[in-house]
Amino acid sequence: MWKPGQPAGYDDIAASWAGPDAVMRRVEAAERFASRAGGAIDARRLAATLFPGSVSAATTEALARAESPGQALALLLVAPESMRR
């Protein structure tokens, strides 16, 4: 009772952020967010706005090949450009 636990916070070790489980959780979170946003957001235009001049060819191609606007937004959220910010 007199020794409350410390807040867990975010880990500061690479395995917590770069491990397969962590990547999967980020992808699932991006998919949930994108599904809530619906088709109202154009991910290609948003990518150019957020990362002017630094969107890679691979990311641009992935966004163009997305099956739906929601999938394109999810791909943008987990793209390397988004992970660096």
PDB file of N, CA and C in Angstrom:
ATOM      1  N   MET A   1       0.811  -1.179   0.000  1.00  0.00           N
ATOM      2  CA  MET A   1       0.000   0.000   0.000  1.00  0.00           C
ATOM      3  C   MET A   1       0.869   1.264   0.000  1.00  0.00           C
ATOM      4  N   TRP A   2       1.965   1.255   0.711  1.00  0.00           N
ATOM      5  CA  TRP A   2       2.819   2.442   0.802  1.00  0.00           C
ATOM      6  C   TRP A   2       3.895   2.477  -0.279  1.00  0.00           C
ATOM      7  N   LYS A   3       3.945   1.463  -1.117  1.00  0.00           N
ATOM      8  CA  LYS A   3       4.930   1.428  -2.201  1.00  0.00           C
ATOM      9  C   LYS A   3       4.199   1.276  -3.539  1.00  0.00           C
ATOM     10  N   PRO A   4       3.645   2.360  -4.038  1.00  0.00           N
ATOM     11  CA  PRO A   4       2.924   2.241  -5.319  1.00  0.00           C
ATOM     12  C   PRO A   4       3.901   1.917  -6.448  1.00  0.00           C
ATOM     13  N   GLY A   5       3.406   1.205  -7.437  1.00  0.00           N
ATOM     14  CA  GLY A   5       4.226   0.859  -8.589  1.00  0.00           C
ATOM     15  C   GLY A   5       4.561   2.083  -9.425  1.00  0.00           C
ATOM     16  N   GLN A   6       5.648   1.997 -10.135  1.00  0.00           N
ATOM     17  CA  GLN A   6       6.070   3.079 -11.017  1.00  0.00           C
ATOM     18  C   GLN A   6       5.263   3.015 -12.313  1.00  0.00           C
ATOM     19  N   PRO A   7       5.042   4.145 -12.939  1.00  0.00           N
ATOM     20  CA  PRO A   7       4.357   4.091 -14.238  1.00  0.00           C
ATOM     21  C   PRO A   7       5.234   3.368 -15.253  1.00  0.00           C
ATOM     22  N   ALA A   8       4.613   2.553 -16.058  1.00  0.00           N
ATOM     23  CA  ALA A   8       5.369   1.732 -17.010  1.00  0.00           C
ATOM     24  C   ALA A   8       6.002   2.586 -18.107  1.00  0.00           C
ATOM     25  N   GLY A   9       5.258   3.518 -18.662  1.00  0.00           N
ATOM     26  CA  GLY A   9       5.808   4.350 -19.731  1.00  0.00           C
ATOM     27  C   GLY A   9       6.176   3.532 -20.959  1.00  0.00           C
ATOM     28  N   TYR A  10       7.032   4.101 -21.793  1.00  0.00           N
ATOM     29  CA  TYR A  10       7.477   3.428 -23.008  1.00  0.00           C
ATOM     30  C   TYR A  10       8.888   2.893 -22.803  1.00  0.00           C
ATOM     31  N   ASP A  11       9.115   1.694 -23.282  1.00  0.00           N
ATOM     32  CA  ASP A  11      10.453   1.112 -23.204  1.00  0.00           C
ATOM     33  C   ASP A  11      11.429   1.921 -24.035  1.00  0.00           C
ATOM     34  N   ASP A  12      12.675   1.913 -23.610  1.00  0.00           N
ATOM     35  CA  ASP A  12      13.695   2.619 -24.374  1.00  0.00           C
ATOM     36  C   ASP A  12      14.734   1.667 -24.957  1.00  0.00           C
ATOM     37  N   ILE A  13      14.303   0.431 -25.197  1.00  0.00           N
ATOM     38  CA  ILE A  13      15.195  -0.536 -25.825  1.00  0.00           C
ATOM     39  C   ILE A  13      14.697  -0.828 -27.234  1.00  0.00           C
ATOM     40  N   ALA A  14      15.624  -1.077 -28.137  1.00  0.00           N
ATOM     41  CA  ALA A  14      15.294  -1.244 -29.555  1.00  0.00           C
ATOM     42  C   ALA A  14      14.326  -2.393 -29.807  1.00  0.00           C
ATOM     43  N   ALA A  15      14.445  -3.479 -29.052  1.00  0.00           N
ATOM     44  CA  ALA A  15      13.579  -4.636 -29.291  1.00  0.00           C
ATOM     45  C   ALA A  15      12.104  -4.297 -29.096  1.00  0.00           C
ATOM     46  N   SER A  16      11.819  -3.365 -28.220  1.00  0.00           N
ATOM     47  CA  SER A  16      10.427  -2.988 -27.978  1.00  0.00           C
ATOM     48  C   SER A  16       9.843  -2.207 -29.143  1.00  0.00           C
ATOM     49  N   TRP A  17      10.670  -1.542 -29.918  1.00  0.00           N
ATOM     50  CA  TRP A  17      10.197  -0.711 -31.017  1.00  0.00           C
ATOM     51  C   TRP A  17      10.404  -1.354 -32.379  1.00  0.00           C
ATOM     52  N   ALA A  18      11.443  -2.146 -32.530  1.00  0.00           N
ATOM     53  CA  ALA A  18      11.779  -2.682 -33.844  1.00  0.00           C
ATOM     54  C   ALA A  18      11.485  -4.172 -33.973  1.00  0.00           C
ATOM     55  N   GLY A  19      11.069  -4.815 -32.920  1.00  0.00           N
ATOM     56  CA  GLY A  19      10.776  -6.246 -32.986  1.00  0.00           C
ATOM     57  C   GLY A  19       9.520  -6.513 -33.800  1.00  0.00           C
ATOM     58  N   PRO A  20       9.345  -7.744 -34.237  1.00  0.00           N
ATOM     59  CA  PRO A  20       8.191  -8.070 -35.077  1.00  0.00           C
ATOM     60  C   PRO A  20       6.858  -7.798 -34.390  1.00  0.00           C
ATOM     61  N   ASP A  21       6.788  -8.054 -33.095  1.00  0.00           N
ATOM     62  CA  ASP A  21       5.548  -7.816 -32.368  1.00  0.00           C
ATOM     63  C   ASP A  21       5.227  -6.321 -32.321  1.00  0.00           C
ATOM     64  N   ALA A  22       6.243  -5.500 -32.114  1.00  0.00           N
ATOM     65  CA  ALA A  22       6.040  -4.053 -32.061  1.00  0.00           C
ATOM     66  C   ALA A  22       5.598  -3.513 -33.422  1.00  0.00           C
ATOM     67  N   VAL A  23       6.197  -4.015 -34.478  1.00  0.00           N
ATOM     68  CA  VAL A  23       5.817  -3.574 -35.819  1.00  0.00           C
ATOM     69  C   VAL A  23       4.369  -3.965 -36.102  1.00  0.00           C
ATOM     70  N   MET A  24       3.990  -5.185 -35.724  1.00  0.00           N
ATOM     71  CA  MET A  24       2.619  -5.644 -35.935  1.00  0.00           C
ATOM     72  C   MET A  24       1.621  -4.787 -35.169  1.00  0.00           C
ATOM     73  N   ARG A  25       1.961  -4.418 -33.949  1.00  0.00           N
ATOM     74  CA  ARG A  25       1.061  -3.559 -33.166  1.00  0.00           C
ATOM     75  C   ARG A  25       0.901  -2.193 -33.818  1.00  0.00           C
ATOM     76  N   ARG A  26       1.980  -1.643 -34.369  1.00  0.00           N
ATOM     77  CA  ARG A  26       1.875  -0.351 -35.046  1.00  0.00           C
ATOM     78  C   ARG A  26       1.018  -0.460 -36.302  1.00  0.00           C
ATOM     79  N   VAL A  27       1.174  -1.547 -37.046  1.00  0.00           N
ATOM     80  CA  VAL A  27       0.366  -1.752 -38.258  1.00  0.00           C
ATOM     81  C   VAL A  27      -1.111  -1.879 -37.884  1.00  0.00           C
ATOM     82  N   GLU A  28      -1.413  -2.660 -36.852  1.00  0.00           N
ATOM     83  CA  GLU A  28      -2.802  -2.830 -36.427  1.00  0.00           C
ATOM     84  C   GLU A  28      -3.398  -1.508 -35.938  1.00  0.00           C
ATOM     85  N   ALA A  29      -2.619  -0.727 -35.208  1.00  0.00           N
ATOM     86  CA  ALA A  29      -3.100   0.573 -34.739  1.00  0.00           C
ATOM     87  C   ALA A  29      -3.356   1.510 -35.920  1.00  0.00           C
ATOM     88  N   ALA A  30      -2.474   1.490 -36.917  1.00  0.00           N
ATOM     89  CA  ALA A  30      -2.655   2.323 -38.109  1.00  0.00           C
ATOM     90  C   ALA A  30      -3.906   1.914 -38.871  1.00  0.00           C
ATOM     91  N   GLU A  31      -4.163   0.617 -38.965  1.00  0.00           N
ATOM     92  CA  GLU A  31      -5.365   0.139 -39.649  1.00  0.00           C
ATOM     93  C   GLU A  31      -6.633   0.572 -38.919  1.00  0.00           C
ATOM     94  N   ARG A  32      -6.623   0.508 -37.589  1.00  0.00           N
ATOM     95  CA  ARG A  32      -7.792   0.946 -36.816  1.00  0.00           C
ATOM     96  C   ARG A  32      -8.030   2.445 -36.998  1.00  0.00           C
ATOM     97  N   PHE A  33      -6.961   3.229 -36.936  1.00  0.00           N
ATOM     98  CA  PHE A  33      -7.089   4.668 -37.125  1.00  0.00           C
ATOM     99  C   PHE A  33      -7.622   4.981 -38.519  1.00  0.00           C
ATOM    100  N   ALA A  34      -7.067   4.346 -39.517  1.00  0.00           N
ATOM    101  CA  ALA A  34      -7.473   4.602 -40.895  1.00  0.00           C
ATOM    102  C   ALA A  34      -8.924   4.200 -41.132  1.00  0.00           C
ATOM    103  N   SER A  35      -9.374   3.119 -40.506  1.00  0.00           N
ATOM    104  CA  SER A  35     -10.763   2.709 -40.684  1.00  0.00           C
ATOM    105  C   SER A  35     -11.719   3.722 -40.066  1.00  0.00           C
ATOM    106  N   ARG A  36     -11.302   4.355 -38.985  1.00  0.00           N
ATOM    107  CA  ARG A  36     -12.147   5.383 -38.361  1.00  0.00           C
ATOM    108  C   ARG A  36     -12.170   6.661 -39.189  1.00  0.00           C
ATOM    109  N   ALA A  37     -11.090   6.941 -39.886  1.00  0.00           N
ATOM    110  CA  ALA A  37     -11.035   8.144 -40.718  1.00  0.00           C
ATOM    111  C   ALA A  37     -11.874   7.985 -41.976  1.00  0.00           C
ATOM    112  N   GLY A  38     -12.146   6.729 -42.341  1.00  0.00           N
ATOM    113  CA  GLY A  38     -12.936   6.479 -43.542  1.00  0.00           C
ATOM    114  C   GLY A  38     -12.171   6.859 -44.793  1.00  0.00           C
ATOM    115  N   GLY A  39     -12.867   7.192 -45.822  1.00  0.00           N
ATOM    116  CA  GLY A  39     -12.236   7.556 -47.081  1.00  0.00           C
ATOM    117  C   GLY A  39     -12.081   9.055 -47.246  1.00  0.00           C
ATOM    118  N   ALA A  40     -12.211   9.793 -46.159  1.00  0.00           N
ATOM    119  CA  ALA A  40     -12.197  11.250 -46.235  1.00  0.00           C
ATOM    120  C   ALA A  40     -10.801  11.834 -46.438  1.00  0.00           C
ATOM    121  N   ILE A  41      -9.758  11.045 -46.205  1.00  0.00           N
ATOM    122  CA  ILE A  41      -8.392  11.557 -46.282  1.00  0.00           C
ATOM    123  C   ILE A  41      -7.685  10.960 -47.490  1.00  0.00           C
ATOM    124  N   ASP A  42      -7.146  11.828 -48.332  1.00  0.00           N
ATOM    125  CA  ASP A  42      -6.358  11.387 -49.484  1.00  0.00           C
ATOM    126  C   ASP A  42      -4.908  11.243 -49.020  1.00  0.00           C
ATOM    127  N   ALA A  43      -4.460  10.013 -48.849  1.00  0.00           N
ATOM    128  CA  ALA A  43      -3.126   9.747 -48.298  1.00  0.00           C
ATOM    129  C   ALA A  43      -2.012  10.260 -49.195  1.00  0.00           C
ATOM    130  N   ARG A  44      -2.215  10.240 -50.509  1.00  0.00           N
ATOM    131  CA  ARG A  44      -1.167  10.733 -51.412  1.00  0.00           C
ATOM    132  C   ARG A  44      -0.962  12.232 -51.250  1.00  0.00           C
ATOM    133  N   ARG A  45      -2.038  12.960 -51.138  1.00  0.00           N
ATOM    134  CA  ARG A  45      -1.926  14.415 -50.935  1.00  0.00           C
ATOM    135  C   ARG A  45      -1.376  14.711 -49.539  1.00  0.00           C
ATOM    136  N   LEU A  46      -1.821  13.951 -48.554  1.00  0.00           N
ATOM    137  CA  LEU A  46      -1.334  14.140 -47.187  1.00  0.00           C
ATOM    138  C   LEU A  46       0.162  13.859 -47.090  1.00  0.00           C
ATOM    139  N   ALA A  47       0.642  12.837 -47.791  1.00  0.00           N
ATOM    140  CA  ALA A  47       2.074  12.518 -47.779  1.00  0.00           C
ATOM    141  C   ALA A  47       2.888  13.679 -48.327  1.00  0.00           C
ATOM    142  N   ALA A  48       2.420  14.267 -49.408  1.00  0.00           N
ATOM    143  CA  ALA A  48       3.141  15.400 -49.996  1.00  0.00           C
ATOM    144  C   ALA A  48       3.123  16.618 -49.076  1.00  0.00           C
ATOM    145  N   THR A  49       2.055  16.770 -48.308  1.00  0.00           N
ATOM    146  CA  THR A  49       1.957  17.893 -47.374  1.00  0.00           C
ATOM    147  C   THR A  49       2.836  17.688 -46.159  1.00  0.00           C
ATOM    148  N   LEU A  50       2.806  16.471 -45.599  1.00  0.00           N
ATOM    149  CA  LEU A  50       3.568  16.186 -44.378  1.00  0.00           C
ATOM    150  C   LEU A  50       5.064  16.057 -44.621  1.00  0.00           C
ATOM    151  N   PHE A  51       5.421  15.481 -45.754  1.00  0.00           N
ATOM    152  CA  PHE A  51       6.829  15.201 -46.056  1.00  0.00           C
ATOM    153  C   PHE A  51       7.213  15.793 -47.409  1.00  0.00           C
ATOM    154  N   PRO A  52       7.190  17.095 -47.558  1.00  0.00           N
ATOM    155  CA  PRO A  52       7.455  17.689 -48.878  1.00  0.00           C
ATOM    156  C   PRO A  52       8.855  17.353 -49.383  1.00  0.00           C
ATOM    157  N   GLY A  53       8.891  16.759 -50.553  1.00  0.00           N
ATOM    158  CA  GLY A  53      10.160  16.440 -51.190  1.00  0.00           C
ATOM    159  C   GLY A  53      10.899  15.253 -50.609  1.00  0.00           C
ATOM    160  N   SER A  54      10.313  14.553 -49.647  1.00  0.00           N
ATOM    161  CA  SER A  54      11.055  13.440 -49.046  1.00  0.00           C
ATOM    162  C   SER A  54      10.293  12.120 -49.044  1.00  0.00           C
ATOM    163  N   VAL A  55       9.215  12.036 -49.804  1.00  0.00           N
ATOM    164  CA  VAL A  55       8.479  10.774 -49.902  1.00  0.00           C
ATOM    165  C   VAL A  55       9.202   9.891 -50.908  1.00  0.00           C
ATOM    166  N   SER A  56       9.573   8.700 -50.472  1.00  0.00           N
ATOM    167  CA  SER A  56      10.337   7.799 -51.340  1.00  0.00           C
ATOM    168  C   SER A  56       9.471   7.254 -52.465  1.00  0.00           C
ATOM    169  N   ALA A  57      10.137   6.748 -53.479  1.00  0.00           N
ATOM    170  CA  ALA A  57       9.432   6.145 -54.609  1.00  0.00           C
ATOM    171  C   ALA A  57       8.651   4.912 -54.165  1.00  0.00           C
ATOM    172  N   ALA A  58       9.214   4.145 -53.238  1.00  0.00           N
ATOM    173  CA  ALA A  58       8.529   2.940 -52.751  1.00  0.00           C
ATOM    174  C   ALA A  58       7.243   3.300 -52.016  1.00  0.00           C
ATOM    175  N   THR A  59       7.283   4.349 -51.205  1.00  0.00           N
ATOM    176  CA  THR A  59       6.085   4.774 -50.488  1.00  0.00           C
ATOM    177  C   THR A  59       5.042   5.310 -51.459  1.00  0.00           C
ATOM    178  N   THR A  60       5.471   6.092 -52.424  1.00  0.00           N
ATOM    179  CA  THR A  60       4.555   6.634 -53.427  1.00  0.00           C
ATOM    180  C   THR A  60       3.870   5.510 -54.192  1.00  0.00           C
ATOM    181  N   GLU A  61       4.631   4.496 -54.552  1.00  0.00           N
ATOM    182  CA  GLU A  61       4.059   3.358 -55.286  1.00  0.00           C
ATOM    183  C   GLU A  61       3.095   2.572 -54.406  1.00  0.00           C
ATOM    184  N   ALA A  62       3.446   2.366 -53.143  1.00  0.00           N
ATOM    185  CA  ALA A  62       2.562   1.632 -52.231  1.00  0.00           C
ATOM    186  C   ALA A  62       1.240   2.376 -52.045  1.00  0.00           C
ATOM    187  N   LEU A  63       1.297   3.694 -51.927  1.00  0.00           N
ATOM    188  CA  LEU A  63       0.074   4.479 -51.771  1.00  0.00           C
ATOM    189  C   LEU A  63      -0.775   4.413 -53.033  1.00  0.00           C
ATOM    190  N   ALA A  64      -0.133   4.431 -54.192  1.00  0.00           N
ATOM    191  CA  ALA A  64      -0.865   4.367 -55.457  1.00  0.00           C
ATOM    192  C   ALA A  64      -1.521   3.008 -55.656  1.00  0.00           C
ATOM    193  N   ARG A  65      -0.908   1.956 -55.147  1.00  0.00           N
ATOM    194  CA  ARG A  65      -1.439   0.604 -55.325  1.00  0.00           C
ATOM    195  C   ARG A  65      -2.428   0.177 -54.241  1.00  0.00           C
ATOM    196  N   ALA A  66      -2.658   1.023 -53.266  1.00  0.00           N
ATOM    197  CA  ALA A  66      -3.577   0.668 -52.177  1.00  0.00           C
ATOM    198  C   ALA A  66      -4.968   0.374 -52.731  1.00  0.00           C
ATOM    199  N   GLU A  67      -5.629  -0.591 -52.113  1.00  0.00           N
ATOM    200  CA  GLU A  67      -6.946  -1.009 -52.581  1.00  0.00           C
ATOM    201  C   GLU A  67      -8.057  -0.042 -52.182  1.00  0.00           C
ATOM    202  N   SER A  68      -7.813   0.769 -51.165  1.00  0.00           N
ATOM    203  CA  SER A  68      -8.836   1.707 -50.704  1.00  0.00           C
ATOM    204  C   SER A  68      -8.145   2.920 -50.082  1.00  0.00           C
ATOM    205  N   PRO A  69      -8.880   4.023 -49.932  1.00  0.00           N
ATOM    206  CA  PRO A  69      -8.292   5.191 -49.265  1.00  0.00           C
ATOM    207  C   PRO A  69      -7.867   4.873 -47.823  1.00  0.00           C
ATOM    208  N   GLY A  70      -8.619   4.027 -47.137  1.00  0.00           N
ATOM    209  CA  GLY A  70      -8.258   3.642 -45.772  1.00  0.00           C
ATOM    210  C   GLY A  70      -6.959   2.867 -45.727  1.00  0.00           C
ATOM    211  N   GLN A  71      -6.781   1.958 -46.681  1.00  0.00           N
ATOM    212  CA  GLN A  71      -5.545   1.192 -46.730  1.00  0.00           C
ATOM    213  C   GLN A  71      -4.366   2.101 -47.067  1.00  0.00           C
ATOM    214  N   ALA A  72      -4.576   3.069 -47.934  1.00  0.00           N
ATOM    215  CA  ALA A  72      -3.509   4.018 -48.277  1.00  0.00           C
ATOM    216  C   ALA A  72      -3.107   4.835 -47.053  1.00  0.00           C
ATOM    217  N   LEU A  73      -4.076   5.256 -46.260  1.00  0.00           N
ATOM    218  CA  LEU A  73      -3.758   6.014 -45.051  1.00  0.00           C
ATOM    219  C   LEU A  73      -2.995   5.145 -44.057  1.00  0.00           C
ATOM    220  N   ALA A  74      -3.413   3.901 -43.894  1.00  0.00           N
ATOM    221  CA  ALA A  74      -2.697   2.987 -42.993  1.00  0.00           C
ATOM    222  C   ALA A  74      -1.261   2.778 -43.466  1.00  0.00           C
ATOM    223  N   LEU A  75      -1.073   2.632 -44.762  1.00  0.00           N
ATOM    224  CA  LEU A  75       0.278   2.469 -45.308  1.00  0.00           C
ATOM    225  C   LEU A  75       1.123   3.713 -45.057  1.00  0.00           C
ATOM    226  N   LEU A  76       0.521   4.889 -45.190  1.00  0.00           N
ATOM    227  CA  LEU A  76       1.258   6.118 -44.932  1.00  0.00           C
ATOM    228  C   LEU A  76       1.668   6.206 -43.463  1.00  0.00           C
ATOM    229  N   LEU A  77       0.791   5.790 -42.572  1.00  0.00           N
ATOM    230  CA  LEU A  77       1.100   5.871 -41.145  1.00  0.00           C
ATOM    231  C   LEU A  77       2.239   4.943 -40.723  1.00  0.00           C
ATOM    232  N   VAL A  78       2.427   3.842 -41.447  1.00  0.00           N
ATOM    233  CA  VAL A  78       3.521   2.918 -41.095  1.00  0.00           C
ATOM    234  C   VAL A  78       4.694   3.011 -42.056  1.00  0.00           C
ATOM    235  N   ALA A  79       4.651   3.961 -42.969  1.00  0.00           N
ATOM    236  CA  ALA A  79       5.752   4.153 -43.918  1.00  0.00           C
ATOM    237  C   ALA A  79       7.008   4.629 -43.171  1.00  0.00           C
ATOM    238  N   PRO A  80       8.169   4.346 -43.719  1.00  0.00           N
ATOM    239  CA  PRO A  80       9.416   4.811 -43.076  1.00  0.00           C
ATOM    240  C   PRO A  80       9.451   6.320 -42.829  1.00  0.00           C
ATOM    241  N   GLU A  81       8.850   7.090 -43.719  1.00  0.00           N
ATOM    242  CA  GLU A  81       8.830   8.543 -43.526  1.00  0.00           C
ATOM    243  C   GLU A  81       8.095   8.916 -42.242  1.00  0.00           C
ATOM    244  N   SER A  82       7.023   8.203 -41.923  1.00  0.00           N
ATOM    245  CA  SER A  82       6.264   8.486 -40.704  1.00  0.00           C
ATOM    246  C   SER A  82       6.988   8.009 -39.464  1.00  0.00           C
ATOM    247  N   MET A  83       7.784   6.974 -39.590  1.00  0.00           N
ATOM    248  CA  MET A  83       8.481   6.432 -38.430  1.00  0.00           C
ATOM    249  C   MET A  83       9.655   7.312 -37.998  1.00  0.00           C
ATOM    250  N   ARG A  84      10.147   8.142 -38.883  1.00  0.00           N
ATOM    251  CA  ARG A  84      11.290   8.991 -38.560  1.00  0.00           C
ATOM    252  C   ARG A  84      10.897  10.241 -37.792  1.00  0.00           C
ATOM    253  N   ARG A  85       9.657  10.634 -37.875  1.00  0.00           N
ATOM    254  CA  ARG A  85       9.223  11.885 -37.242  1.00  0.00           C
ATOM    255  C   ARG A  85       8.920  11.713 -35.800  1.00  0.00           C
TER     256      ARG A  85
END
